[in-house]
Amino acid sequence: MGKRIVIALGGNALGKNAAEQLALVKKTASVVAEQIALGHQVVLTHGNGPQVGMIQLGLSAAAQSGAIAADMPFPECGAMSQGYIGYHLQQSIAAALKARQIERTVATLVTQTLVDRSDPAFLSPTKPVGAFYDEATARRLAQERKITVAEDAGRGWRQVVPSPRPVGIIELPAIRTLLDAGHVVIAVGGGGVPVVKTDDGLQGVDAVIDKDLGGALLADLLDADELVILTAVERAALYYGQPNQQWLDRITVQEALAYAEQGHFAKGSMLPKIYAAAQFAASAPGRRALITSLERAADGIAGKTGTRIEG
């Protein structure tokens, strides 16, 4: 019997423009098609940081020039990025499957991810998004748009948004239905568009969900066998970049969390991947998480490389 695998692709692996992205996703498509050819079910999720920033920046510039009436709200920019990235992935995966003589529909679902309005992250927005401004302009926009702004590493002022934990996936029944019918599904792009429940229904909020945590939640709720987090390096390491660097091959959830608490993993890169992988591996017996590079993904899933985290 094949496995059910959720593959989480980093947004930075998707390029800086449409042509670059279309070329790069062919590598991802080959990995996905190979796993399907081996009899596995695959759900693909992805980051969207550079892409949603590009969309928001373009629309913000258009609004400032008067070409459009107003900026596009951040949740809507996130939804746009899901469609843009999914469109390219659909084309490339379908072509890779056809080359292997596999007829399979590939579908992208614009996905909403439920967050808790009482999440402490809403009290301290820290995630910079969108365009850079000088301080005066940023403070004026903060008053006009009721947003929070902050200086970003000396490069200028930007909007900052919270990063709450995902607690549910609104379109989960549709994802399950498509997957059970044999389709390849792309969902929870960028961690999903964050929404909260209100008396009038769901409402999008200015926030960013960590895409690895979103992928871990998706894998858990789909009862996946394996979560594969693709990043820039083949394996996680202790003392990364130092003379005593030590690559990690197979570790337990307890070891992964202990290494994280000891400060071995960078906050902006490997740390959230370790936490997401450990969260999924600990969620049920027999589940495994893998962290490896896109180039070595097939070997990693086959158990030949990567950092494997097991309960």
C-alpha atoms as a PDB file:
ATOM      1  CA  MET A   1       0.000   0.000   0.000  1.00  0.00           C
ATOM      2  CA  GLY A   2       1.225   3.484  -0.833  1.00  0.00           C
ATOM      3  CA  LYS A   3       1.605   6.237   1.737  1.00  0.00           C
ATOM      4  CA  ARG A   4      -0.269   9.494   2.086  1.00  0.00           C
ATOM      5  CA  ILE A   5       2.385  12.217   1.946  1.00  0.00           C
ATOM      6  CA  VAL A   6       2.068  15.959   2.524  1.00  0.00           C
ATOM      7  CA  ILE A   7       4.913  17.886   0.887  1.00  0.00           C
ATOM      8  CA  ALA A   8       5.590  21.457   2.066  1.00  0.00           C
ATOM      9  CA  LEU A   9       7.540  23.589  -0.407  1.00  0.00           C
ATOM     10  CA  GLY A  10       9.231  26.832   0.653  1.00  0.00           C
ATOM     11  CA  GLY A  11       8.063  30.056  -1.015  1.00  0.00           C
ATOM     12  CA  ASN A  12      11.647  31.143  -1.632  1.00  0.00           C
ATOM     13  CA  ALA A  13      12.093  28.106  -3.898  1.00  0.00           C
ATOM     14  CA  LEU A  14       9.521  29.543  -6.288  1.00  0.00           C
ATOM     15  CA  GLY A  15      11.524  32.400  -7.798  1.00  0.00           C
ATOM     16  CA  LYS A  16      11.093  36.160  -7.976  1.00  0.00           C
ATOM     17  CA  ASN A  17       8.831  36.451 -11.024  1.00  0.00           C
ATOM     18  CA  ALA A  18       6.408  34.391 -13.094  1.00  0.00           C
ATOM     19  CA  ALA A  19       8.946  33.098 -15.635  1.00  0.00           C
ATOM     20  CA  GLU A  20      11.421  32.097 -12.932  1.00  0.00           C
ATOM     21  CA  GLN A  21       8.710  30.417 -10.897  1.00  0.00           C
ATOM     22  CA  LEU A  22       7.392  28.418 -13.848  1.00  0.00           C
ATOM     23  CA  ALA A  23      10.900  27.107 -14.504  1.00  0.00           C
ATOM     24  CA  LEU A  24      11.577  26.236 -10.859  1.00  0.00           C
ATOM     25  CA  VAL A  25       8.320  24.384 -10.166  1.00  0.00           C
ATOM     26  CA  LYS A  26       9.291  21.765 -12.747  1.00  0.00           C
ATOM     27  CA  LYS A  27      11.711  20.365 -10.146  1.00  0.00           C
ATOM     28  CA  THR A  28       8.880  20.094  -7.632  1.00  0.00           C
ATOM     29  CA  ALA A  29       6.620  18.548 -10.258  1.00  0.00           C
ATOM     30  CA  SER A  30       9.147  15.815 -10.932  1.00  0.00           C
ATOM     31  CA  VAL A  31       9.311  14.920  -7.220  1.00  0.00           C
ATOM     32  CA  VAL A  32       5.513  14.809  -6.917  1.00  0.00           C
ATOM     33  CA  ALA A  33       5.073  12.753 -10.100  1.00  0.00           C
ATOM     34  CA  GLU A  34       7.719  10.261  -9.005  1.00  0.00           C
ATOM     35  CA  GLN A  35       5.952   9.652  -5.694  1.00  0.00           C
ATOM     36  CA  ILE A  36       2.606   9.190  -7.429  1.00  0.00           C
ATOM     37  CA  ALA A  37       4.211   6.743  -9.867  1.00  0.00           C
ATOM     38  CA  LEU A  38       5.350   4.757  -6.817  1.00  0.00           C
ATOM     39  CA  GLY A  39       1.744   4.502  -5.652  1.00  0.00           C
ATOM     40  CA  HIS A  40       1.676   7.245  -3.018  1.00  0.00           C
ATOM     41  CA  GLN A  41      -1.017   9.897  -2.527  1.00  0.00           C
ATOM     42  CA  VAL A  42       0.420  13.403  -2.515  1.00  0.00           C
ATOM     43  CA  VAL A  43      -0.902  16.685  -1.158  1.00  0.00           C
ATOM     44  CA  LEU A  44       1.259  19.709  -1.840  1.00  0.00           C
ATOM     45  CA  THR A  45       1.416  22.889   0.190  1.00  0.00           C
ATOM     46  CA  HIS A  46       3.762  25.827  -0.251  1.00  0.00           C
ATOM     47  CA  GLY A  47       5.052  29.087   1.129  1.00  0.00           C
ATOM     48  CA  ASN A  48       4.158  32.413  -0.440  1.00  0.00           C
ATOM     49  CA  GLY A  49       6.255  35.078   1.314  1.00  0.00           C
ATOM     50  CA  PRO A  50       7.981  36.596  -1.732  1.00  0.00           C
ATOM     51  CA  GLN A  51       4.891  36.167  -3.900  1.00  0.00           C
ATOM     52  CA  VAL A  52       2.343  37.756  -1.580  1.00  0.00           C
ATOM     53  CA  GLY A  53       4.803  40.599  -0.961  1.00  0.00           C
ATOM     54  CA  MET A  54       5.139  41.145  -4.703  1.00  0.00           C
ATOM     55  CA  ILE A  55       1.364  41.214  -5.156  1.00  0.00           C
ATOM     56  CA  GLN A  56       0.806  43.623  -2.281  1.00  0.00           C
ATOM     57  CA  LEU A  57       3.667  45.875  -3.352  1.00  0.00           C
ATOM     58  CA  GLY A  58       2.373  46.058  -6.937  1.00  0.00           C
ATOM     59  CA  LEU A  59      -1.154  46.898  -5.856  1.00  0.00           C
ATOM     60  CA  SER A  60       0.106  49.382  -3.276  1.00  0.00           C
ATOM     61  CA  ALA A  61       2.144  51.171  -5.944  1.00  0.00           C
ATOM     62  CA  ALA A  62      -0.890  51.209  -8.231  1.00  0.00           C
ATOM     63  CA  ALA A  63      -3.017  52.720  -5.474  1.00  0.00           C
ATOM     64  CA  GLN A  64      -0.418  55.408  -4.731  1.00  0.00           C
ATOM     65  CA  SER A  65      -0.270  56.361  -8.405  1.00  0.00           C
ATOM     66  CA  GLY A  66      -4.044  56.557  -8.640  1.00  0.00           C
ATOM     67  CA  ALA A  67      -4.315  53.681 -11.098  1.00  0.00           C
ATOM     68  CA  ILE A  68      -6.650  51.836  -8.706  1.00  0.00           C
ATOM     69  CA  ALA A  69      -8.913  53.226  -6.031  1.00  0.00           C
ATOM     70  CA  ALA A  70      -7.319  51.608  -2.974  1.00  0.00           C
ATOM     71  CA  ASP A  71      -4.826  49.056  -1.725  1.00  0.00           C
ATOM     72  CA  MET A  72      -5.897  45.429  -1.764  1.00  0.00           C
ATOM     73  CA  PRO A  73      -6.408  44.023   1.756  1.00  0.00           C
ATOM     74  CA  PHE A  74      -3.716  41.603   2.881  1.00  0.00           C
ATOM     75  CA  PRO A  75      -5.939  38.482   3.114  1.00  0.00           C
ATOM     76  CA  GLU A  76      -7.030  39.025  -0.494  1.00  0.00           C
ATOM     77  CA  CYS A  77      -3.380  39.271  -1.557  1.00  0.00           C
ATOM     78  CA  GLY A  78      -2.780  35.920   0.128  1.00  0.00           C
ATOM     79  CA  ALA A  79      -5.670  34.357  -1.775  1.00  0.00           C
ATOM     80  CA  MET A  80      -4.290  35.759  -5.043  1.00  0.00           C
ATOM     81  CA  SER A  81      -0.898  34.227  -4.333  1.00  0.00           C
ATOM     82  CA  GLN A  82      -2.475  30.807  -3.781  1.00  0.00           C
ATOM     83  CA  GLY A  83      -4.068  30.936  -7.218  1.00  0.00           C
ATOM     84  CA  TYR A  84      -0.926  32.253  -8.935  1.00  0.00           C
ATOM     85  CA  ILE A  85       1.390  29.634  -7.440  1.00  0.00           C
ATOM     86  CA  GLY A  86      -1.158  26.834  -7.739  1.00  0.00           C
ATOM     87  CA  TYR A  87      -1.714  27.571 -11.428  1.00  0.00           C
ATOM     88  CA  HIS A  88       1.975  27.001 -12.184  1.00  0.00           C
ATOM     89  CA  LEU A  89       2.166  23.891 -10.000  1.00  0.00           C
ATOM     90  CA  GLN A  90      -0.935  22.413 -11.650  1.00  0.00           C
ATOM     91  CA  GLN A  91       0.513  22.816 -15.128  1.00  0.00           C
ATOM     92  CA  SER A  92       3.923  21.418 -14.231  1.00  0.00           C
ATOM     93  CA  ILE A  93       2.687  18.450 -12.195  1.00  0.00           C
ATOM     94  CA  ALA A  94       0.153  17.500 -14.876  1.00  0.00           C
ATOM     95  CA  ALA A  95       2.899  17.592 -17.519  1.00  0.00           C
ATOM     96  CA  ALA A  96       5.242  15.489 -15.350  1.00  0.00           C
ATOM     97  CA  LEU A  97       2.489  12.919 -14.785  1.00  0.00           C
ATOM     98  CA  LYS A  98       1.630  12.791 -18.486  1.00  0.00           C
ATOM     99  CA  ALA A  99       5.302  12.148 -19.299  1.00  0.00           C
ATOM    100  CA  ARG A 100       5.018   9.076 -17.050  1.00  0.00           C
ATOM    101  CA  GLN A 101       1.750   8.078 -18.774  1.00  0.00           C
ATOM    102  CA  ILE A 102      -0.287   8.810 -15.649  1.00  0.00           C
ATOM    103  CA  GLU A 103      -3.643  10.495 -16.146  1.00  0.00           C
ATOM    104  CA  ARG A 104      -4.495  12.449 -13.027  1.00  0.00           C
ATOM    105  CA  THR A 105      -6.268  15.740 -12.346  1.00  0.00           C
ATOM    106  CA  VAL A 106      -4.309  18.319 -10.350  1.00  0.00           C
ATOM    107  CA  ALA A 107      -6.392  20.876  -8.440  1.00  0.00           C
ATOM    108  CA  THR A 108      -5.607  23.934  -6.327  1.00  0.00           C
ATOM    109  CA  LEU A 109      -7.947  24.938  -3.523  1.00  0.00           C
ATOM    110  CA  VAL A 110      -7.862  28.500  -2.255  1.00  0.00           C
ATOM    111  CA  THR A 111      -7.748  27.561   1.408  1.00  0.00           C
ATOM    112  CA  GLN A 112      -8.813  29.430   4.537  1.00  0.00           C
ATOM    113  CA  THR A 113      -7.097  28.554   7.802  1.00  0.00           C
ATOM    114  CA  LEU A 114      -8.903  29.193  11.048  1.00  0.00           C
ATOM    115  CA  VAL A 115      -7.074  31.078  13.790  1.00  0.00           C
ATOM    116  CA  ASP A 116      -8.157  32.089  17.284  1.00  0.00           C
ATOM    117  CA  ARG A 117      -8.854  35.793  17.719  1.00  0.00           C
ATOM    118  CA  SER A 118      -7.590  35.460  21.322  1.00  0.00           C
ATOM    119  CA  ASP A 119      -4.202  34.115  20.173  1.00  0.00           C
ATOM    120  CA  PRO A 120      -1.500  36.127  22.006  1.00  0.00           C
ATOM    121  CA  ALA A 121       0.219  36.776  18.652  1.00  0.00           C
ATOM    122  CA  PHE A 122      -2.452  39.377  17.861  1.00  0.00           C
ATOM    123  CA  LEU A 123      -1.180  41.489  20.746  1.00  0.00           C
ATOM    124  CA  SER A 124       2.335  41.741  19.316  1.00  0.00           C
ATOM    125  CA  PRO A 125       2.516  41.844  15.509  1.00  0.00           C
ATOM    126  CA  THR A 126       6.085  41.094  14.420  1.00  0.00           C
ATOM    127  CA  LYS A 127       5.963  39.728  10.847  1.00  0.00           C
ATOM    128  CA  PRO A 128       6.952  42.425   8.271  1.00  0.00           C
ATOM    129  CA  VAL A 129       4.991  42.403   5.005  1.00  0.00           C
ATOM    130  CA  GLY A 130       4.625  44.561   1.935  1.00  0.00           C
ATOM    131  CA  ALA A 131       6.300  47.770   0.839  1.00  0.00           C
ATOM    132  CA  PHE A 132       9.035  49.811   2.547  1.00  0.00           C
ATOM    133  CA  TYR A 133       8.282  53.433   3.554  1.00  0.00           C
ATOM    134  CA  ASP A 134      10.064  56.276   5.266  1.00  0.00           C
ATOM    135  CA  GLU A 135       9.022  56.758   8.880  1.00  0.00           C
ATOM    136  CA  ALA A 136       6.704  59.716   8.267  1.00  0.00           C
ATOM    137  CA  THR A 137       4.810  57.945   5.490  1.00  0.00           C
ATOM    138  CA  ALA A 138       4.582  54.729   7.485  1.00  0.00           C
ATOM    139  CA  ARG A 139       3.135  56.498  10.517  1.00  0.00           C
ATOM    140  CA  ARG A 140       0.615  58.338   8.343  1.00  0.00           C
ATOM    141  CA  LEU A 141      -0.483  55.095   6.708  1.00  0.00           C
ATOM    142  CA  ALA A 142      -0.741  53.442  10.114  1.00  0.00           C
ATOM    143  CA  GLN A 143      -3.272  56.072  11.191  1.00  0.00           C
ATOM    144  CA  GLU A 144      -5.196  56.019   7.920  1.00  0.00           C
ATOM    145  CA  ARG A 145      -5.377  52.237   7.552  1.00  0.00           C
ATOM    146  CA  LYS A 146      -5.430  51.259  11.239  1.00  0.00           C
ATOM    147  CA  ILE A 147      -2.355  49.057  10.812  1.00  0.00           C
ATOM    148  CA  THR A 148       0.806  48.515  12.843  1.00  0.00           C
ATOM    149  CA  VAL A 149       4.158  49.610  11.400  1.00  0.00           C
ATOM    150  CA  ALA A 150       7.745  49.118  12.542  1.00  0.00           C
ATOM    151  CA  GLU A 151      11.290  49.606  11.305  1.00  0.00           C
ATOM    152  CA  ASP A 152      12.612  46.537   9.511  1.00  0.00           C
ATOM    153  CA  ALA A 153      16.332  45.917  10.116  1.00  0.00           C
ATOM    154  CA  GLY A 154      17.345  49.445   9.169  1.00  0.00           C
ATOM    155  CA  ARG A 155      15.934  49.063   5.646  1.00  0.00           C
ATOM    156  CA  GLY A 156      12.868  51.225   6.151  1.00  0.00           C
ATOM    157  CA  TRP A 157       9.434  51.019   7.752  1.00  0.00           C
ATOM    158  CA  ARG A 158       6.859  48.363   6.901  1.00  0.00           C
ATOM    159  CA  GLN A 159       3.541  47.023   8.035  1.00  0.00           C
ATOM    160  CA  VAL A 160       3.884  44.259  10.618  1.00  0.00           C
ATOM    161  CA  VAL A 161       1.232  41.600  11.181  1.00  0.00           C
ATOM    162  CA  PRO A 162       0.770  38.838  13.764  1.00  0.00           C
ATOM    163  CA  SER A 163       1.587  35.173  13.141  1.00  0.00           C
ATOM    164  CA  PRO A 164      -1.047  33.174  15.041  1.00  0.00           C
ATOM    165  CA  ARG A 165      -1.092  29.382  15.266  1.00  0.00           C
ATOM    166  CA  PRO A 166      -3.430  27.588  12.846  1.00  0.00           C
ATOM    167  CA  VAL A 167      -6.240  25.698  14.579  1.00  0.00           C
ATOM    168  CA  GLY A 168      -8.403  24.496  11.686  1.00  0.00           C
ATOM    169  CA  ILE A 169      -8.672  24.237   7.902  1.00  0.00           C
ATOM    170  CA  ILE A 170     -12.013  25.364   6.529  1.00  0.00           C
ATOM    171  CA  GLU A 171     -11.822  23.493   3.215  1.00  0.00           C
ATOM    172  CA  LEU A 172     -10.642  20.211   4.776  1.00  0.00           C
ATOM    173  CA  PRO A 173     -13.729  18.208   3.656  1.00  0.00           C
ATOM    174  CA  ALA A 174     -13.161  19.288   0.039  1.00  0.00           C
ATOM    175  CA  ILE A 175      -9.461  18.406   0.252  1.00  0.00           C
ATOM    176  CA  ARG A 176     -10.338  14.948   1.601  1.00  0.00           C
ATOM    177  CA  THR A 177     -12.944  14.386  -1.108  1.00  0.00           C
ATOM    178  CA  LEU A 178     -10.544  15.276  -3.920  1.00  0.00           C
ATOM    179  CA  LEU A 179      -7.745  13.202  -2.439  1.00  0.00           C
ATOM    180  CA  ASP A 180      -9.960  10.147  -1.890  1.00  0.00           C
ATOM    181  CA  ALA A 181     -11.130  10.441  -5.516  1.00  0.00           C
ATOM    182  CA  GLY A 182      -7.537  10.118  -6.716  1.00  0.00           C
ATOM    183  CA  HIS A 183      -6.783  13.734  -7.546  1.00  0.00           C
ATOM    184  CA  VAL A 184      -3.542  15.538  -6.708  1.00  0.00           C
ATOM    185  CA  VAL A 185      -4.327  18.418  -4.361  1.00  0.00           C
ATOM    186  CA  ILE A 186      -2.519  21.722  -3.763  1.00  0.00           C
ATOM    187  CA  ALA A 187      -3.865  23.431  -0.655  1.00  0.00           C
ATOM    188  CA  VAL A 188      -3.097  25.606   2.388  1.00  0.00           C
ATOM    189  CA  GLY A 189      -0.765  27.765   0.299  1.00  0.00           C
ATOM    190  CA  GLY A 190       1.216  30.206   2.416  1.00  0.00           C
ATOM    191  CA  GLY A 191      -0.223  28.526   5.505  1.00  0.00           C
ATOM    192  CA  GLY A 192      -3.703  29.402   4.256  1.00  0.00           C
ATOM    193  CA  VAL A 193      -5.583  32.700   4.313  1.00  0.00           C
ATOM    194  CA  PRO A 194      -6.052  33.357   8.051  1.00  0.00           C
ATOM    195  CA  VAL A 195      -9.685  33.789   9.081  1.00  0.00           C
ATOM    196  CA  VAL A 196     -11.592  34.161  12.344  1.00  0.00           C
ATOM    197  CA  LYS A 197     -15.180  33.272  13.161  1.00  0.00           C
ATOM    198  CA  THR A 198     -17.636  36.132  13.603  1.00  0.00           C
ATOM    199  CA  ASP A 199     -21.410  36.337  14.049  1.00  0.00           C
ATOM    200  CA  ASP A 200     -21.651  37.014  10.311  1.00  0.00           C
ATOM    201  CA  GLY A 201     -19.388  34.117   9.285  1.00  0.00           C
ATOM    202  CA  LEU A 202     -15.700  33.942   8.499  1.00  0.00           C
ATOM    203  CA  GLN A 203     -13.612  37.091   8.238  1.00  0.00           C
ATOM    204  CA  GLY A 204     -10.073  37.440   6.881  1.00  0.00           C
ATOM    205  CA  VAL A 205      -7.490  39.043   9.152  1.00  0.00           C
ATOM    206  CA  ASP A 206      -4.171  40.765   8.507  1.00  0.00           C
ATOM    207  CA  ALA A 207      -1.858  37.975   9.632  1.00  0.00           C
ATOM    208  CA  VAL A 208       0.658  35.439   8.353  1.00  0.00           C
ATOM    209  CA  ILE A 209       0.486  31.763   9.274  1.00  0.00           C
ATOM    210  CA  ASP A 210       3.753  29.863   9.353  1.00  0.00           C
ATOM    211  CA  LYS A 211       3.527  27.616   6.282  1.00  0.00           C
ATOM    212  CA  ASP A 212       5.316  24.727   8.001  1.00  0.00           C
ATOM    213  CA  LEU A 213       2.838  24.757  10.902  1.00  0.00           C
ATOM    214  CA  GLY A 214       0.037  24.970   8.346  1.00  0.00           C
ATOM    215  CA  GLY A 215       1.468  21.954   6.553  1.00  0.00           C
ATOM    216  CA  ALA A 216       1.794  20.018   9.824  1.00  0.00           C
ATOM    217  CA  LEU A 217      -1.843  20.715  10.692  1.00  0.00           C
ATOM    218  CA  LEU A 218      -2.960  19.664   7.204  1.00  0.00           C
ATOM    219  CA  ALA A 219      -0.949  16.434   7.438  1.00  0.00           C
ATOM    220  CA  ASP A 220      -2.411  15.697  10.874  1.00  0.00           C
ATOM    221  CA  LEU A 221      -6.022  16.329   9.853  1.00  0.00           C
ATOM    222  CA  LEU A 222      -5.624  14.245   6.669  1.00  0.00           C
ATOM    223  CA  ASP A 223      -4.133  11.384   8.721  1.00  0.00           C
ATOM    224  CA  ALA A 224      -1.032  11.447   6.514  1.00  0.00           C
ATOM    225  CA  ASP A 225       1.758   8.954   7.005  1.00  0.00           C
ATOM    226  CA  GLU A 226       4.536  11.441   6.345  1.00  0.00           C
ATOM    227  CA  LEU A 227       5.168  15.182   6.307  1.00  0.00           C
ATOM    228  CA  VAL A 228       8.005  16.247   4.020  1.00  0.00           C
ATOM    229  CA  ILE A 229       9.357  19.765   4.572  1.00  0.00           C
ATOM    230  CA  LEU A 230      11.578  20.907   1.720  1.00  0.00           C
ATOM    231  CA  THR A 231      14.181  23.570   2.398  1.00  0.00           C
ATOM    232  CA  ALA A 232      17.569  24.794   1.171  1.00  0.00           C
ATOM    233  CA  VAL A 233      19.706  22.171   2.942  1.00  0.00           C
ATOM    234  CA  GLU A 234      19.798  18.388   2.751  1.00  0.00           C
ATOM    235  CA  ARG A 235      19.641  17.891   6.521  1.00  0.00           C
ATOM    236  CA  ALA A 236      19.290  19.865   9.728  1.00  0.00           C
ATOM    237  CA  ALA A 237      22.431  20.208  11.810  1.00  0.00           C
ATOM    238  CA  LEU A 238      23.726  20.973  15.268  1.00  0.00           C
ATOM    239  CA  TYR A 239      26.263  23.828  15.433  1.00  0.00           C
ATOM    240  CA  TYR A 240      25.364  24.734  11.840  1.00  0.00           C
ATOM    241  CA  GLY A 241      28.185  26.483   9.972  1.00  0.00           C
ATOM    242  CA  GLN A 242      30.696  25.924  12.780  1.00  0.00           C
ATOM    243  CA  PRO A 243      33.798  23.690  12.750  1.00  0.00           C
ATOM    244  CA  ASN A 244      32.023  21.127  14.952  1.00  0.00           C
ATOM    245  CA  GLN A 245      28.889  21.013  12.772  1.00  0.00           C
ATOM    246  CA  GLN A 246      26.984  17.740  13.172  1.00  0.00           C
ATOM    247  CA  TRP A 247      24.398  16.620  10.615  1.00  0.00           C
ATOM    248  CA  LEU A 248      21.232  15.048  11.989  1.00  0.00           C
ATOM    249  CA  ASP A 249      19.920  11.889  10.323  1.00  0.00           C
ATOM    250  CA  ARG A 250      17.299  10.199  12.522  1.00  0.00           C
ATOM    251  CA  ILE A 251      16.125  11.814  15.757  1.00  0.00           C
ATOM    252  CA  THR A 252      13.175  11.471  18.108  1.00  0.00           C
ATOM    253  CA  VAL A 253      10.609  14.171  18.829  1.00  0.00           C
ATOM    254  CA  GLN A 254      12.111  14.598  22.289  1.00  0.00           C
ATOM    255  CA  GLU A 255      15.600  15.048  20.861  1.00  0.00           C
ATOM    256  CA  ALA A 256      14.357  17.532  18.260  1.00  0.00           C
ATOM    257  CA  LEU A 257      12.637  19.676  20.891  1.00  0.00           C
ATOM    258  CA  ALA A 258      15.643  19.496  23.211  1.00  0.00           C
ATOM    259  CA  TYR A 259      17.983  20.651  20.454  1.00  0.00           C
ATOM    260  CA  ALA A 260      15.563  23.477  19.650  1.00  0.00           C
ATOM    261  CA  GLU A 261      15.500  24.626  23.280  1.00  0.00           C
ATOM    262  CA  GLN A 262      19.312  24.585  23.298  1.00  0.00           C
ATOM    263  CA  GLY A 263      19.307  27.133  20.469  1.00  0.00           C
ATOM    264  CA  HIS A 264      20.697  24.972  17.672  1.00  0.00           C
ATOM    265  CA  PHE A 265      18.222  26.141  15.022  1.00  0.00           C
ATOM    266  CA  ALA A 266      17.800  29.644  13.559  1.00  0.00           C
ATOM    267  CA  LYS A 267      14.472  31.312  14.336  1.00  0.00           C
ATOM    268  CA  GLY A 268      13.814  32.529  10.811  1.00  0.00           C
ATOM    269  CA  SER A 269      14.686  29.312   8.991  1.00  0.00           C
ATOM    270  CA  MET A 270      15.177  25.862  10.537  1.00  0.00           C
ATOM    271  CA  LEU A 271      13.492  26.373  13.929  1.00  0.00           C
ATOM    272  CA  PRO A 272       9.864  26.537  12.669  1.00  0.00           C
ATOM    273  CA  LYS A 273      10.537  23.489  10.478  1.00  0.00           C
ATOM    274  CA  ILE A 274      11.791  21.500  13.463  1.00  0.00           C
ATOM    275  CA  TYR A 275       8.768  22.496  15.547  1.00  0.00           C
ATOM    276  CA  ALA A 276       6.342  21.654  12.727  1.00  0.00           C
ATOM    277  CA  ALA A 277       8.034  18.315  12.034  1.00  0.00           C
ATOM    278  CA  ALA A 278       8.039  17.395  15.722  1.00  0.00           C
ATOM    279  CA  GLN A 279       4.398  18.430  16.107  1.00  0.00           C
ATOM    280  CA  PHE A 280       3.319  16.115  13.301  1.00  0.00           C
ATOM    281  CA  ALA A 281       5.539  13.188  14.313  1.00  0.00           C
ATOM    282  CA  ALA A 282       4.158  13.357  17.861  1.00  0.00           C
ATOM    283  CA  SER A 283       0.508  13.594  16.774  1.00  0.00           C
ATOM    284  CA  ALA A 284      -0.067   9.836  16.293  1.00  0.00           C
ATOM    285  CA  PRO A 285       1.895   6.558  16.401  1.00  0.00           C
ATOM    286  CA  GLY A 286       3.790   5.642  13.244  1.00  0.00           C
ATOM    287  CA  ARG A 287       3.956   9.124  11.779  1.00  0.00           C
ATOM    288  CA  ARG A 288       7.234  10.448  10.419  1.00  0.00           C
ATOM    289  CA  ALA A 289       8.451  13.871   9.366  1.00  0.00           C
ATOM    290  CA  LEU A 290      11.308  14.532   6.982  1.00  0.00           C
ATOM    291  CA  ILE A 291      13.333  17.704   6.458  1.00  0.00           C
ATOM    292  CA  THR A 292      15.482  17.760   3.333  1.00  0.00           C
ATOM    293  CA  SER A 293      16.213  19.696   0.152  1.00  0.00           C
ATOM    294  CA  LEU A 294      14.080  19.703  -2.981  1.00  0.00           C
ATOM    295  CA  GLU A 295      16.976  18.174  -4.932  1.00  0.00           C
ATOM    296  CA  ARG A 296      17.209  15.194  -2.544  1.00  0.00           C
ATOM    297  CA  ALA A 297      13.495  14.835  -1.821  1.00  0.00           C
ATOM    298  CA  ALA A 298      13.054  11.487  -3.583  1.00  0.00           C
ATOM    299  CA  ASP A 299      16.063   9.997  -1.764  1.00  0.00           C
ATOM    300  CA  GLY A 300      14.802  11.456   1.495  1.00  0.00           C
ATOM    301  CA  ILE A 301      11.365   9.877   1.148  1.00  0.00           C
ATOM    302  CA  ALA A 302      13.115   6.595   0.325  1.00  0.00           C
ATOM    303  CA  GLY A 303      15.030   6.895   3.614  1.00  0.00           C
ATOM    304  CA  LYS A 304      18.442   7.553   2.072  1.00  0.00           C
ATOM    305  CA  THR A 305      19.035  11.109   3.317  1.00  0.00           C
ATOM    306  CA  GLY A 306      17.469  14.023   5.149  1.00  0.00           C
ATOM    307  CA  THR A 307      16.643  14.531   8.813  1.00  0.00           C
ATOM    308  CA  ARG A 308      13.919  12.118   9.907  1.00  0.00           C
ATOM    309  CA  ILE A 309      11.933  12.884  13.050  1.00  0.00           C
ATOM    310  CA  GLU A 310       9.886  10.086  14.605  1.00  0.00           C
ATOM    311  CA  GLY A 311       7.805   9.778  17.746  1.00  0.00           C
END
